Amino acid sequence: MVIWTSADRDVALNVCLMYTKAANKMKWFDEVHLIIWGPSAKLLSYDKEVQAQIKDLQNTGVVVEACIVCTNRYGVTEPLKRLGIDVKAMGLPLTERLKTNWKQLNF
């Protein structure tokens, strides 16, 4: 799982989303999840290029999720849901994954 927290556009486009796409395309893992957490939700809500990259990830099988507490704080829950993102409470799912054999990368 890739946990994307940075609101930095360059980090999003040139590191986080690029790695996530490659990890999925090259089958480096059985499944790839992208978790949108914190300030990254706000960036995604208005940046059309970042949105296009997320849509591409979704179309290639990456599971894209977002923390609803974060999206509510930034007032972007509905825009992210309209992008087809699974917006939900992420604390427990993240914790359960951390307790098992999931690998984690943070940006």
PDB file of N, CA and C in Angstrom:
ATOM      1  N   MET A   1       0.843  -1.173   0.000  1.00  0.00           N
ATOM      2  CA  MET A   1       0.000   0.000   0.000  1.00  0.00           C
ATOM      3  C   MET A   1       0.881   1.226   0.000  1.00  0.00           C
ATOM      4  N   VAL A   2       0.418   2.214  -0.737  1.00  0.00           N
ATOM      5  CA  VAL A   2       1.094   3.492  -0.796  1.00  0.00           C
ATOM      6  C   VAL A   2       0.206   4.479  -0.054  1.00  0.00           C
ATOM      7  N   ILE A   3       0.784   5.140   0.937  1.00  0.00           N
ATOM      8  CA  ILE A   3       0.050   6.144   1.700  1.00  0.00           C
ATOM      9  C   ILE A   3       0.533   7.509   1.226  1.00  0.00           C
ATOM     10  N   TRP A   4      -0.381   8.233   0.594  1.00  0.00           N
ATOM     11  CA  TRP A   4      -0.059   9.524   0.002  1.00  0.00           C
ATOM     12  C   TRP A   4      -0.622  10.627   0.890  1.00  0.00           C
ATOM     13  N   THR A   5       0.273  11.375   1.531  1.00  0.00           N
ATOM     14  CA  THR A   5      -0.156  12.448   2.426  1.00  0.00           C
ATOM     15  C   THR A   5       0.262  13.833   1.943  1.00  0.00           C
ATOM     16  N   SER A   6       1.247  13.906   1.101  1.00  0.00           N
ATOM     17  CA  SER A   6       1.824  15.191   0.708  1.00  0.00           C
ATOM     18  C   SER A   6       0.908  15.978  -0.221  1.00  0.00           C
ATOM     19  N   ALA A   7       0.808  17.281   0.038  1.00  0.00           N
ATOM     20  CA  ALA A   7       0.064  18.175  -0.847  1.00  0.00           C
ATOM     21  C   ALA A   7       0.966  18.726  -1.945  1.00  0.00           C
ATOM     22  N   ASP A   8       2.217  18.293  -1.971  1.00  0.00           N
ATOM     23  CA  ASP A   8       3.173  18.762  -2.969  1.00  0.00           C
ATOM     24  C   ASP A   8       2.859  18.115  -4.316  1.00  0.00           C
ATOM     25  N   ARG A   9       2.532  18.934  -5.297  1.00  0.00           N
ATOM     26  CA  ARG A   9       2.151  18.452  -6.627  1.00  0.00           C
ATOM     27  C   ARG A   9       3.285  17.677  -7.281  1.00  0.00           C
ATOM     28  N   ASP A  10       4.517  18.154  -7.146  1.00  0.00           N
ATOM     29  CA  ASP A  10       5.655  17.462  -7.742  1.00  0.00           C
ATOM     30  C   ASP A  10       5.852  16.081  -7.127  1.00  0.00           C
ATOM     31  N   VAL A  11       5.683  15.976  -5.831  1.00  0.00           N
ATOM     32  CA  VAL A  11       5.778  14.669  -5.174  1.00  0.00           C
ATOM     33  C   VAL A  11       4.687  13.752  -5.708  1.00  0.00           C
ATOM     34  N   ALA A  12       3.485  14.284  -5.867  1.00  0.00           N
ATOM     35  CA  ALA A  12       2.376  13.472  -6.374  1.00  0.00           C
ATOM     36  C   ALA A  12       2.671  12.948  -7.776  1.00  0.00           C
ATOM     37  N   LEU A  13       2.990  13.848  -8.705  1.00  0.00           N
ATOM     38  CA  LEU A  13       3.131  13.474 -10.111  1.00  0.00           C
ATOM     39  C   LEU A  13       4.434  12.750 -10.431  1.00  0.00           C
ATOM     40  N   ASN A  14       5.509  13.139  -9.769  1.00  0.00           N
ATOM     41  CA  ASN A  14       6.824  12.640 -10.162  1.00  0.00           C
ATOM     42  C   ASN A  14       7.409  11.577  -9.243  1.00  0.00           C
ATOM     43  N   VAL A  15       6.691  11.252  -8.182  1.00  0.00           N
ATOM     44  CA  VAL A  15       7.179  10.200  -7.291  1.00  0.00           C
ATOM     45  C   VAL A  15       6.039   9.248  -6.912  1.00  0.00           C
ATOM     46  N   CYS A  16       5.097   9.729  -6.143  1.00  0.00           N
ATOM     47  CA  CYS A  16       4.054   8.870  -5.562  1.00  0.00           C
ATOM     48  C   CYS A  16       3.222   8.142  -6.616  1.00  0.00           C
ATOM     49  N   LEU A  17       2.581   8.883  -7.497  1.00  0.00           N
ATOM     50  CA  LEU A  17       1.686   8.261  -8.468  1.00  0.00           C
ATOM     51  C   LEU A  17       2.462   7.497  -9.534  1.00  0.00           C
ATOM     52  N   MET A  18       3.642   7.988  -9.863  1.00  0.00           N
ATOM     53  CA  MET A  18       4.483   7.296 -10.835  1.00  0.00           C
ATOM     54  C   MET A  18       4.921   5.932 -10.283  1.00  0.00           C
ATOM     55  N   TYR A  19       5.368   5.899  -9.020  1.00  0.00           N
ATOM     56  CA  TYR A  19       5.765   4.623  -8.423  1.00  0.00           C
ATOM     57  C   TYR A  19       4.565   3.675  -8.309  1.00  0.00           C
ATOM     58  N   THR A  20       3.439   4.203  -7.863  1.00  0.00           N
ATOM     59  CA  THR A  20       2.249   3.373  -7.690  1.00  0.00           C
ATOM     60  C   THR A  20       1.847   2.729  -9.010  1.00  0.00           C
ATOM     61  N   LYS A  21       1.881   3.505 -10.078  1.00  0.00           N
ATOM     62  CA  LYS A  21       1.541   2.968 -11.398  1.00  0.00           C
ATOM     63  C   LYS A  21       2.526   1.878 -11.811  1.00  0.00           C
ATOM     64  N   ALA A  22       3.812   2.122 -11.610  1.00  0.00           N
ATOM     65  CA  ALA A  22       4.827   1.135 -11.984  1.00  0.00           C
ATOM     66  C   ALA A  22       4.692  -0.138 -11.152  1.00  0.00           C
ATOM     67  N   ALA A  23       4.456   0.011  -9.854  1.00  0.00           N
ATOM     68  CA  ALA A  23       4.322  -1.158  -8.973  1.00  0.00           C
ATOM     69  C   ALA A  23       3.182  -2.052  -9.427  1.00  0.00           C
ATOM     70  N   ASN A  24       2.106  -1.440  -9.877  1.00  0.00           N
ATOM     71  CA  ASN A  24       0.963  -2.202 -10.360  1.00  0.00           C
ATOM     72  C   ASN A  24       1.243  -2.807 -11.739  1.00  0.00           C
ATOM     73  N   LYS A  25       1.722  -1.983 -12.656  1.00  0.00           N
ATOM     74  CA  LYS A  25       1.965  -2.422 -14.027  1.00  0.00           C
ATOM     75  C   LYS A  25       2.999  -3.546 -14.097  1.00  0.00           C
ATOM     76  N   MET A  26       4.041  -3.433 -13.300  1.00  0.00           N
ATOM     77  CA  MET A  26       5.132  -4.414 -13.330  1.00  0.00           C
ATOM     78  C   MET A  26       4.856  -5.616 -12.423  1.00  0.00           C
ATOM     79  N   LYS A  27       3.699  -5.585 -11.733  1.00  0.00           N
ATOM     80  CA  LYS A  27       3.298  -6.693 -10.856  1.00  0.00           C
ATOM     81  C   LYS A  27       4.323  -6.946  -9.740  1.00  0.00           C
ATOM     82  N   TRP A  28       4.861  -5.858  -9.192  1.00  0.00           N
ATOM     83  CA  TRP A  28       5.813  -5.990  -8.091  1.00  0.00           C
ATOM     84  C   TRP A  28       5.135  -6.523  -6.840  1.00  0.00           C
ATOM     85  N   PHE A  29       3.819  -6.359  -6.768  1.00  0.00           N
ATOM     86  CA  PHE A  29       3.014  -6.852  -5.653  1.00  0.00           C
ATOM     87  C   PHE A  29       1.749  -7.489  -6.215  1.00  0.00           C
ATOM     88  N   ASP A  30       1.141  -8.370  -5.444  1.00  0.00           N
ATOM     89  CA  ASP A  30      -0.102  -9.015  -5.879  1.00  0.00           C
ATOM     90  C   ASP A  30      -1.222  -8.009  -6.078  1.00  0.00           C
ATOM     91  N   GLU A  31      -1.280  -7.022  -5.222  1.00  0.00           N
ATOM     92  CA  GLU A  31      -2.263  -5.958  -5.353  1.00  0.00           C
ATOM     93  C   GLU A  31      -1.657  -4.666  -4.838  1.00  0.00           C
ATOM     94  N   VAL A  32      -2.116  -3.567  -5.385  1.00  0.00           N
ATOM     95  CA  VAL A  32      -1.601  -2.257  -5.002  1.00  0.00           C
ATOM     96  C   VAL A  32      -2.775  -1.386  -4.576  1.00  0.00           C
ATOM     97  N   HIS A  33      -2.648  -0.814  -3.393  1.00  0.00           N
ATOM     98  CA  HIS A  33      -3.648   0.120  -2.870  1.00  0.00           C
ATOM     99  C   HIS A  33      -2.985   1.483  -2.697  1.00  0.00           C
ATOM    100  N   LEU A  34      -3.694   2.527  -3.064  1.00  0.00           N
ATOM    101  CA  LEU A  34      -3.266   3.900  -2.816  1.00  0.00           C
ATOM    102  C   LEU A  34      -4.226   4.490  -1.798  1.00  0.00           C
ATOM    103  N   ILE A  35      -3.688   4.949  -0.686  1.00  0.00           N
ATOM    104  CA  ILE A  35      -4.507   5.573   0.357  1.00  0.00           C
ATOM    105  C   ILE A  35      -4.229   7.074   0.355  1.00  0.00           C
ATOM    106  N   ILE A  36      -5.268   7.835   0.112  1.00  0.00           N
ATOM    107  CA  ILE A  36      -5.189   9.300   0.109  1.00  0.00           C
ATOM    108  C   ILE A  36      -5.497   9.754   1.533  1.00  0.00           C
ATOM    109  N   TRP A  37      -4.532  10.430   2.140  1.00  0.00           N
ATOM    110  CA  TRP A  37      -4.633  10.740   3.560  1.00  0.00           C
ATOM    111  C   TRP A  37      -4.161  12.168   3.780  1.00  0.00           C
ATOM    112  N   GLY A  38      -4.983  12.982   4.404  1.00  0.00           N
ATOM    113  CA  GLY A  38      -4.549  14.337   4.760  1.00  0.00           C
ATOM    114  C   GLY A  38      -4.522  15.290   3.583  1.00  0.00           C
ATOM    115  N   PRO A  39      -3.479  16.137   3.511  1.00  0.00           N
ATOM    116  CA  PRO A  39      -3.415  17.216   2.517  1.00  0.00           C
ATOM    117  C   PRO A  39      -3.478  16.763   1.065  1.00  0.00           C
ATOM    118  N   SER A  40      -3.107  15.528   0.785  1.00  0.00           N
ATOM    119  CA  SER A  40      -3.188  15.046  -0.598  1.00  0.00           C
ATOM    120  C   SER A  40      -4.632  15.072  -1.109  1.00  0.00           C
ATOM    121  N   ALA A  41      -5.592  14.905  -0.225  1.00  0.00           N
ATOM    122  CA  ALA A  41      -7.006  14.930  -0.622  1.00  0.00           C
ATOM    123  C   ALA A  41      -7.389  16.288  -1.190  1.00  0.00           C
ATOM    124  N   LYS A  42      -6.889  17.339  -0.577  1.00  0.00           N
ATOM    125  CA  LYS A  42      -7.201  18.686  -1.055  1.00  0.00           C
ATOM    126  C   LYS A  42      -6.595  18.915  -2.437  1.00  0.00           C
ATOM    127  N   LEU A  43      -5.327  18.534  -2.617  1.00  0.00           N
ATOM    128  CA  LEU A  43      -4.684  18.675  -3.924  1.00  0.00           C
ATOM    129  C   LEU A  43      -5.477  17.934  -4.994  1.00  0.00           C
ATOM    130  N   LEU A  44      -5.843  16.710  -4.711  1.00  0.00           N
ATOM    131  CA  LEU A  44      -6.578  15.900  -5.667  1.00  0.00           C
ATOM    132  C   LEU A  44      -7.924  16.521  -6.032  1.00  0.00           C
ATOM    133  N   SER A  45      -8.548  17.211  -5.109  1.00  0.00           N
ATOM    134  CA  SER A  45      -9.890  17.748  -5.345  1.00  0.00           C
ATOM    135  C   SER A  45      -9.941  18.803  -6.442  1.00  0.00           C
ATOM    136  N   TYR A  46      -8.814  19.479  -6.714  1.00  0.00           N
ATOM    137  CA  TYR A  46      -8.852  20.560  -7.701  1.00  0.00           C
ATOM    138  C   TYR A  46      -7.855  20.424  -8.845  1.00  0.00           C
ATOM    139  N   ASP A  47      -6.871  19.560  -8.734  1.00  0.00           N
ATOM    140  CA  ASP A  47      -5.830  19.471  -9.758  1.00  0.00           C
ATOM    141  C   ASP A  47      -6.221  18.449 -10.834  1.00  0.00           C
ATOM    142  N   LYS A  48      -6.540  18.935 -12.017  1.00  0.00           N
ATOM    143  CA  LYS A  48      -7.033  18.074 -13.100  1.00  0.00           C
ATOM    144  C   LYS A  48      -5.987  17.054 -13.564  1.00  0.00           C
ATOM    145  N   GLU A  49      -4.725  17.422 -13.588  1.00  0.00           N
ATOM    146  CA  GLU A  49      -3.694  16.476 -14.012  1.00  0.00           C
ATOM    147  C   GLU A  49      -3.537  15.350 -12.987  1.00  0.00           C
ATOM    148  N   VAL A  50      -3.571  15.698 -11.719  1.00  0.00           N
ATOM    149  CA  VAL A  50      -3.499  14.682 -10.668  1.00  0.00           C
ATOM    150  C   VAL A  50      -4.738  13.787 -10.748  1.00  0.00           C
ATOM    151  N   GLN A  51      -5.892  14.377 -10.987  1.00  0.00           N
ATOM    152  CA  GLN A  51      -7.117  13.589 -11.131  1.00  0.00           C
ATOM    153  C   GLN A  51      -7.000  12.604 -12.292  1.00  0.00           C
ATOM    154  N   ALA A  52      -6.415  13.042 -13.402  1.00  0.00           N
ATOM    155  CA  ALA A  52      -6.245  12.159 -14.553  1.00  0.00           C
ATOM    156  C   ALA A  52      -5.314  10.995 -14.201  1.00  0.00           C
ATOM    157  N   GLN A  53      -4.288  11.248 -13.431  1.00  0.00           N
ATOM    158  CA  GLN A  53      -3.379  10.190 -13.016  1.00  0.00           C
ATOM    159  C   GLN A  53      -4.090   9.182 -12.111  1.00  0.00           C
ATOM    160  N   ILE A  54      -4.946   9.672 -11.220  1.00  0.00           N
ATOM    161  CA  ILE A  54      -5.716   8.782 -10.338  1.00  0.00           C
ATOM    162  C   ILE A  54      -6.664   7.922 -11.174  1.00  0.00           C
ATOM    163  N   LYS A  55      -7.333   8.522 -12.139  1.00  0.00           N
ATOM    164  CA  LYS A  55      -8.253   7.773 -13.010  1.00  0.00           C
ATOM    165  C   LYS A  55      -7.494   6.675 -13.749  1.00  0.00           C
ATOM    166  N   ASP A  56      -6.301   6.989 -14.219  1.00  0.00           N
ATOM    167  CA  ASP A  56      -5.464   6.002 -14.903  1.00  0.00           C
ATOM    168  C   ASP A  56      -5.110   4.849 -13.953  1.00  0.00           C
ATOM    169  N   LEU A  57      -4.752   5.175 -12.712  1.00  0.00           N
ATOM    170  CA  LEU A  57      -4.448   4.128 -11.726  1.00  0.00           C
ATOM    171  C   LEU A  57      -5.666   3.231 -11.509  1.00  0.00           C
ATOM    172  N   GLN A  58      -6.824   3.844 -11.345  1.00  0.00           N
ATOM    173  CA  GLN A  58      -8.049   3.075 -11.137  1.00  0.00           C
ATOM    174  C   GLN A  58      -8.329   2.159 -12.329  1.00  0.00           C
ATOM    175  N   ASN A  59      -8.131   2.677 -13.531  1.00  0.00           N
ATOM    176  CA  ASN A  59      -8.397   1.901 -14.738  1.00  0.00           C
ATOM    177  C   ASN A  59      -7.455   0.725 -14.912  1.00  0.00           C
ATOM    178  N   THR A  60      -6.302   0.778 -14.265  1.00  0.00           N
ATOM    179  CA  THR A  60      -5.340  -0.326 -14.381  1.00  0.00           C
ATOM    180  C   THR A  60      -5.378  -1.250 -13.170  1.00  0.00           C
ATOM    181  N   GLY A  61      -6.352  -1.041 -12.269  1.00  0.00           N
ATOM    182  CA  GLY A  61      -6.554  -1.983 -11.180  1.00  0.00           C
ATOM    183  C   GLY A  61      -6.042  -1.587  -9.816  1.00  0.00           C
ATOM    184  N   VAL A  62      -5.474  -0.409  -9.675  1.00  0.00           N
ATOM    185  CA  VAL A  62      -5.050   0.050  -8.354  1.00  0.00           C
ATOM    186  C   VAL A  62      -6.302   0.386  -7.548  1.00  0.00           C
ATOM    187  N   VAL A  63      -6.359  -0.101  -6.323  1.00  0.00           N
ATOM    188  CA  VAL A  63      -7.456   0.230  -5.414  1.00  0.00           C
ATOM    189  C   VAL A  63      -7.142   1.587  -4.798  1.00  0.00           C
ATOM    190  N   VAL A  64      -8.020   2.562  -5.014  1.00  0.00           N
ATOM    191  CA  VAL A  64      -7.798   3.919  -4.504  1.00  0.00           C
ATOM    192  C   VAL A  64      -8.810   4.196  -3.413  1.00  0.00           C
ATOM    193  N   GLU A  65      -8.286   4.523  -2.233  1.00  0.00           N
ATOM    194  CA  GLU A  65      -9.114   4.779  -1.052  1.00  0.00           C
ATOM    195  C   GLU A  65      -8.718   6.123  -0.454  1.00  0.00           C
ATOM    196  N   ALA A  66      -9.640   6.732   0.269  1.00  0.00           N
ATOM    197  CA  ALA A  66      -9.346   7.997   0.944  1.00  0.00           C
ATOM    198  C   ALA A  66      -9.972   7.990   2.333  1.00  0.00           C
ATOM    199  N   CYS A  67      -9.291   8.642   3.241  1.00  0.00           N
ATOM    200  CA  CYS A  67      -9.769   8.776   4.621  1.00  0.00           C
ATOM    201  C   CYS A  67     -10.882   9.813   4.683  1.00  0.00           C
ATOM    202  N   ILE A  68     -12.063   9.399   5.115  1.00  0.00           N
ATOM    203  CA  ILE A  68     -13.210  10.320   5.157  1.00  0.00           C
ATOM    204  C   ILE A  68     -13.038  11.415   6.212  1.00  0.00           C
ATOM    205  N   VAL A  69     -12.342  11.126   7.283  1.00  0.00           N
ATOM    206  CA  VAL A  69     -12.092  12.170   8.287  1.00  0.00           C
ATOM    207  C   VAL A  69     -11.283  13.294   7.643  1.00  0.00           C
ATOM    208  N   CYS A  70     -10.270  12.918   6.875  1.00  0.00           N
ATOM    209  CA  CYS A  70      -9.441  13.909   6.190  1.00  0.00           C
ATOM    210  C   CYS A  70     -10.234  14.667   5.134  1.00  0.00           C
ATOM    211  N   THR A  71     -10.990  13.931   4.314  1.00  0.00           N
ATOM    212  CA  THR A  71     -11.741  14.603   3.246  1.00  0.00           C
ATOM    213  C   THR A  71     -12.806  15.527   3.819  1.00  0.00           C
ATOM    214  N   ASN A  72     -13.415  15.143   4.941  1.00  0.00           N
ATOM    215  CA  ASN A  72     -14.387  16.022   5.591  1.00  0.00           C
ATOM    216  C   ASN A  72     -13.715  17.291   6.115  1.00  0.00           C
ATOM    217  N   ARG A  73     -12.527  17.137   6.704  1.00  0.00           N
ATOM    218  CA  ARG A  73     -11.814  18.311   7.240  1.00  0.00           C
ATOM    219  C   ARG A  73     -11.479  19.312   6.146  1.00  0.00           C
ATOM    220  N   TYR A  74     -11.170  18.801   4.947  1.00  0.00           N
ATOM    221  CA  TYR A  74     -10.839  19.684   3.829  1.00  0.00           C
ATOM    222  C   TYR A  74     -12.057  20.043   2.987  1.00  0.00           C
ATOM    223  N   GLY A  75     -13.203  19.479   3.314  1.00  0.00           N
ATOM    224  CA  GLY A  75     -14.425  19.776   2.566  1.00  0.00           C
ATOM    225  C   GLY A  75     -14.414  19.236   1.151  1.00  0.00           C
ATOM    226  N   VAL A  76     -13.767  18.072   0.955  1.00  0.00           N
ATOM    227  CA  VAL A  76     -13.623  17.535  -0.401  1.00  0.00           C
ATOM    228  C   VAL A  76     -14.169  16.116  -0.543  1.00  0.00           C
ATOM    229  N   THR A  77     -15.008  15.692   0.383  1.00  0.00           N
ATOM    230  CA  THR A  77     -15.526  14.322   0.338  1.00  0.00           C
ATOM    231  C   THR A  77     -16.290  14.052  -0.952  1.00  0.00           C
ATOM    232  N   GLU A  78     -17.232  14.891  -1.288  1.00  0.00           N
ATOM    233  CA  GLU A  78     -18.050  14.658  -2.482  1.00  0.00           C
ATOM    234  C   GLU A  78     -17.240  14.720  -3.775  1.00  0.00           C
ATOM    235  N   PRO A  79     -16.348  15.704  -3.942  1.00  0.00           N
ATOM    236  CA  PRO A  79     -15.537  15.691  -5.169  1.00  0.00           C
ATOM    237  C   PRO A  79     -14.710  14.410  -5.326  1.00  0.00           C
ATOM    238  N   LEU A  80     -14.177  13.876  -4.244  1.00  0.00           N
ATOM    239  CA  LEU A  80     -13.392  12.641  -4.346  1.00  0.00           C
ATOM    240  C   LEU A  80     -14.291  11.445  -4.628  1.00  0.00           C
ATOM    241  N   LYS A  81     -15.474  11.424  -4.050  1.00  0.00           N
ATOM    242  CA  LYS A  81     -16.416  10.341  -4.355  1.00  0.00           C
ATOM    243  C   LYS A  81     -16.808  10.369  -5.826  1.00  0.00           C
ATOM    244  N   ARG A  82     -16.976  11.584  -6.388  1.00  0.00           N
ATOM    245  CA  ARG A  82     -17.327  11.703  -7.816  1.00  0.00           C
ATOM    246  C   ARG A  82     -16.200  11.193  -8.713  1.00  0.00           C
ATOM    247  N   LEU A  83     -14.985  11.143  -8.187  1.00  0.00           N
ATOM    248  CA  LEU A  83     -13.859  10.592  -8.940  1.00  0.00           C
ATOM    249  C   LEU A  83     -13.805   9.063  -8.835  1.00  0.00           C
ATOM    250  N   GLY A  84     -14.775   8.484  -8.129  1.00  0.00           N
ATOM    251  CA  GLY A  84     -14.824   7.032  -8.007  1.00  0.00           C
ATOM    252  C   GLY A  84     -13.917   6.487  -6.917  1.00  0.00           C
ATOM    253  N   ILE A  85     -13.521   7.346  -6.015  1.00  0.00           N
ATOM    254  CA  ILE A  85     -12.637   6.937  -4.924  1.00  0.00           C
ATOM    255  C   ILE A  85     -13.479   6.413  -3.771  1.00  0.00           C
ATOM    256  N   ASP A  86     -13.016   5.331  -3.168  1.00  0.00           N
ATOM    257  CA  ASP A  86     -13.676   4.726  -2.014  1.00  0.00           C
ATOM    258  C   ASP A  86     -13.314   5.550  -0.776  1.00  0.00           C
ATOM    259  N   VAL A  87     -14.190   6.476  -0.410  1.00  0.00           N
ATOM    260  CA  VAL A  87     -13.959   7.377   0.726  1.00  0.00           C
ATOM    261  C   VAL A  87     -14.612   6.755   1.950  1.00  0.00           C
ATOM    262  N   LYS A  88     -13.796   6.458   2.958  1.00  0.00           N
ATOM    263  CA  LYS A  88     -14.305   5.762   4.140  1.00  0.00           C
ATOM    264  C   LYS A  88     -13.363   5.970   5.315  1.00  0.00           C
ATOM    265  N   ALA A  89     -13.799   5.521   6.483  1.00  0.00           N
ATOM    266  CA  ALA A  89     -12.921   5.544   7.657  1.00  0.00           C
ATOM    267  C   ALA A  89     -11.749   4.608   7.373  1.00  0.00           C
ATOM    268  N   MET A  90     -10.532   5.112   7.460  1.00  0.00           N
ATOM    269  CA  MET A  90      -9.358   4.322   7.091  1.00  0.00           C
ATOM    270  C   MET A  90      -8.506   3.903   8.281  1.00  0.00           C
ATOM    271  N   GLY A  91      -8.788   4.417   9.467  1.00  0.00           N
ATOM    272  CA  GLY A  91      -7.957   4.079  10.621  1.00  0.00           C
ATOM    273  C   GLY A  91      -7.874   2.585  10.879  1.00  0.00           C
ATOM    274  N   LEU A  92      -9.007   1.926  10.964  1.00  0.00           N
ATOM    275  CA  LEU A  92      -9.023   0.488  11.246  1.00  0.00           C
ATOM    276  C   LEU A  92      -8.459  -0.338  10.079  1.00  0.00           C
ATOM    277  N   PRO A  93      -8.877  -0.091   8.822  1.00  0.00           N
ATOM    278  CA  PRO A  93      -8.283  -0.864   7.729  1.00  0.00           C
ATOM    279  C   PRO A  93      -6.760  -0.710   7.655  1.00  0.00           C
ATOM    280  N   LEU A  94      -6.276   0.505   7.846  1.00  0.00           N
ATOM    281  CA  LEU A  94      -4.835   0.723   7.821  1.00  0.00           C
ATOM    282  C   LEU A  94      -4.157  -0.034   8.955  1.00  0.00           C
ATOM    283  N   THR A  95      -4.728   0.040  10.141  1.00  0.00           N
ATOM    284  CA  THR A  95      -4.156  -0.656  11.295  1.00  0.00           C
ATOM    285  C   THR A  95      -4.131  -2.156  11.073  1.00  0.00           C
ATOM    286  N   GLU A  96      -5.205  -2.712  10.546  1.00  0.00           N
ATOM    287  CA  GLU A  96      -5.251  -4.147  10.282  1.00  0.00           C
ATOM    288  C   GLU A  96      -4.187  -4.555   9.258  1.00  0.00           C
ATOM    289  N   ARG A  97      -4.003  -3.745   8.248  1.00  0.00           N
ATOM    290  CA  ARG A  97      -2.978  -4.048   7.246  1.00  0.00           C
ATOM    291  C   ARG A  97      -1.584  -3.989   7.859  1.00  0.00           C
ATOM    292  N   LEU A  98      -1.363  -3.001   8.716  1.00  0.00           N
ATOM    293  CA  LEU A  98      -0.060  -2.871   9.365  1.00  0.00           C
ATOM    294  C   LEU A  98       0.249  -4.062  10.267  1.00  0.00           C
ATOM    295  N   LYS A  99      -0.780  -4.668  10.822  1.00  0.00           N
ATOM    296  CA  LYS A  99      -0.601  -5.827  11.705  1.00  0.00           C
ATOM    297  C   LYS A  99      -0.316  -7.109  10.926  1.00  0.00           C
ATOM    298  N   THR A 100      -0.542  -7.094   9.633  1.00  0.00           N
ATOM    299  CA  THR A 100      -0.313  -8.285   8.819  1.00  0.00           C
ATOM    300  C   THR A 100       0.932  -8.080   7.965  1.00  0.00           C
ATOM    301  N   ASN A 101       1.011  -8.766   6.862  1.00  0.00           N
ATOM    302  CA  ASN A 101       2.220  -8.771   6.051  1.00  0.00           C
ATOM    303  C   ASN A 101       2.227  -7.710   4.949  1.00  0.00           C
ATOM    304  N   TRP A 102       1.366  -6.700   5.024  1.00  0.00           N
ATOM    305  CA  TRP A 102       1.339  -5.652   4.011  1.00  0.00           C
ATOM    306  C   TRP A 102       2.633  -4.844   4.061  1.00  0.00           C
ATOM    307  N   LYS A 103       3.119  -4.471   2.902  1.00  0.00           N
ATOM    308  CA  LYS A 103       4.240  -3.556   2.788  1.00  0.00           C
ATOM    309  C   LYS A 103       3.665  -2.150   2.649  1.00  0.00           C
ATOM    310  N   GLN A 104       4.396  -1.165   3.167  1.00  0.00           N
ATOM    311  CA  GLN A 104       3.893   0.200   3.199  1.00  0.00           C
ATOM    312  C   GLN A 104       4.968   1.156   2.695  1.00  0.00           C
ATOM    313  N   LEU A 105       4.530   2.107   1.878  1.00  0.00           N
ATOM    314  CA  LEU A 105       5.409   3.169   1.401  1.00  0.00           C
ATOM    315  C   LEU A 105       4.652   4.472   1.580  1.00  0.00           C
ATOM    316  N   ASN A 106       5.323   5.463   2.148  1.00  0.00           N
ATOM    317  CA  ASN A 106       4.672   6.747   2.426  1.00  0.00           C
ATOM    318  C   ASN A 106       5.285   7.865   1.590  1.00  0.00           C
ATOM    319  N   PHE A 107       4.406   8.712   1.064  1.00  0.00           N
ATOM    320  CA  PHE A 107       4.828   9.917   0.359  1.00  0.00           C
ATOM    321  C   PHE A 107       4.067  11.097   0.924  1.00  0.00           C
TER     322      PHE A 107
END
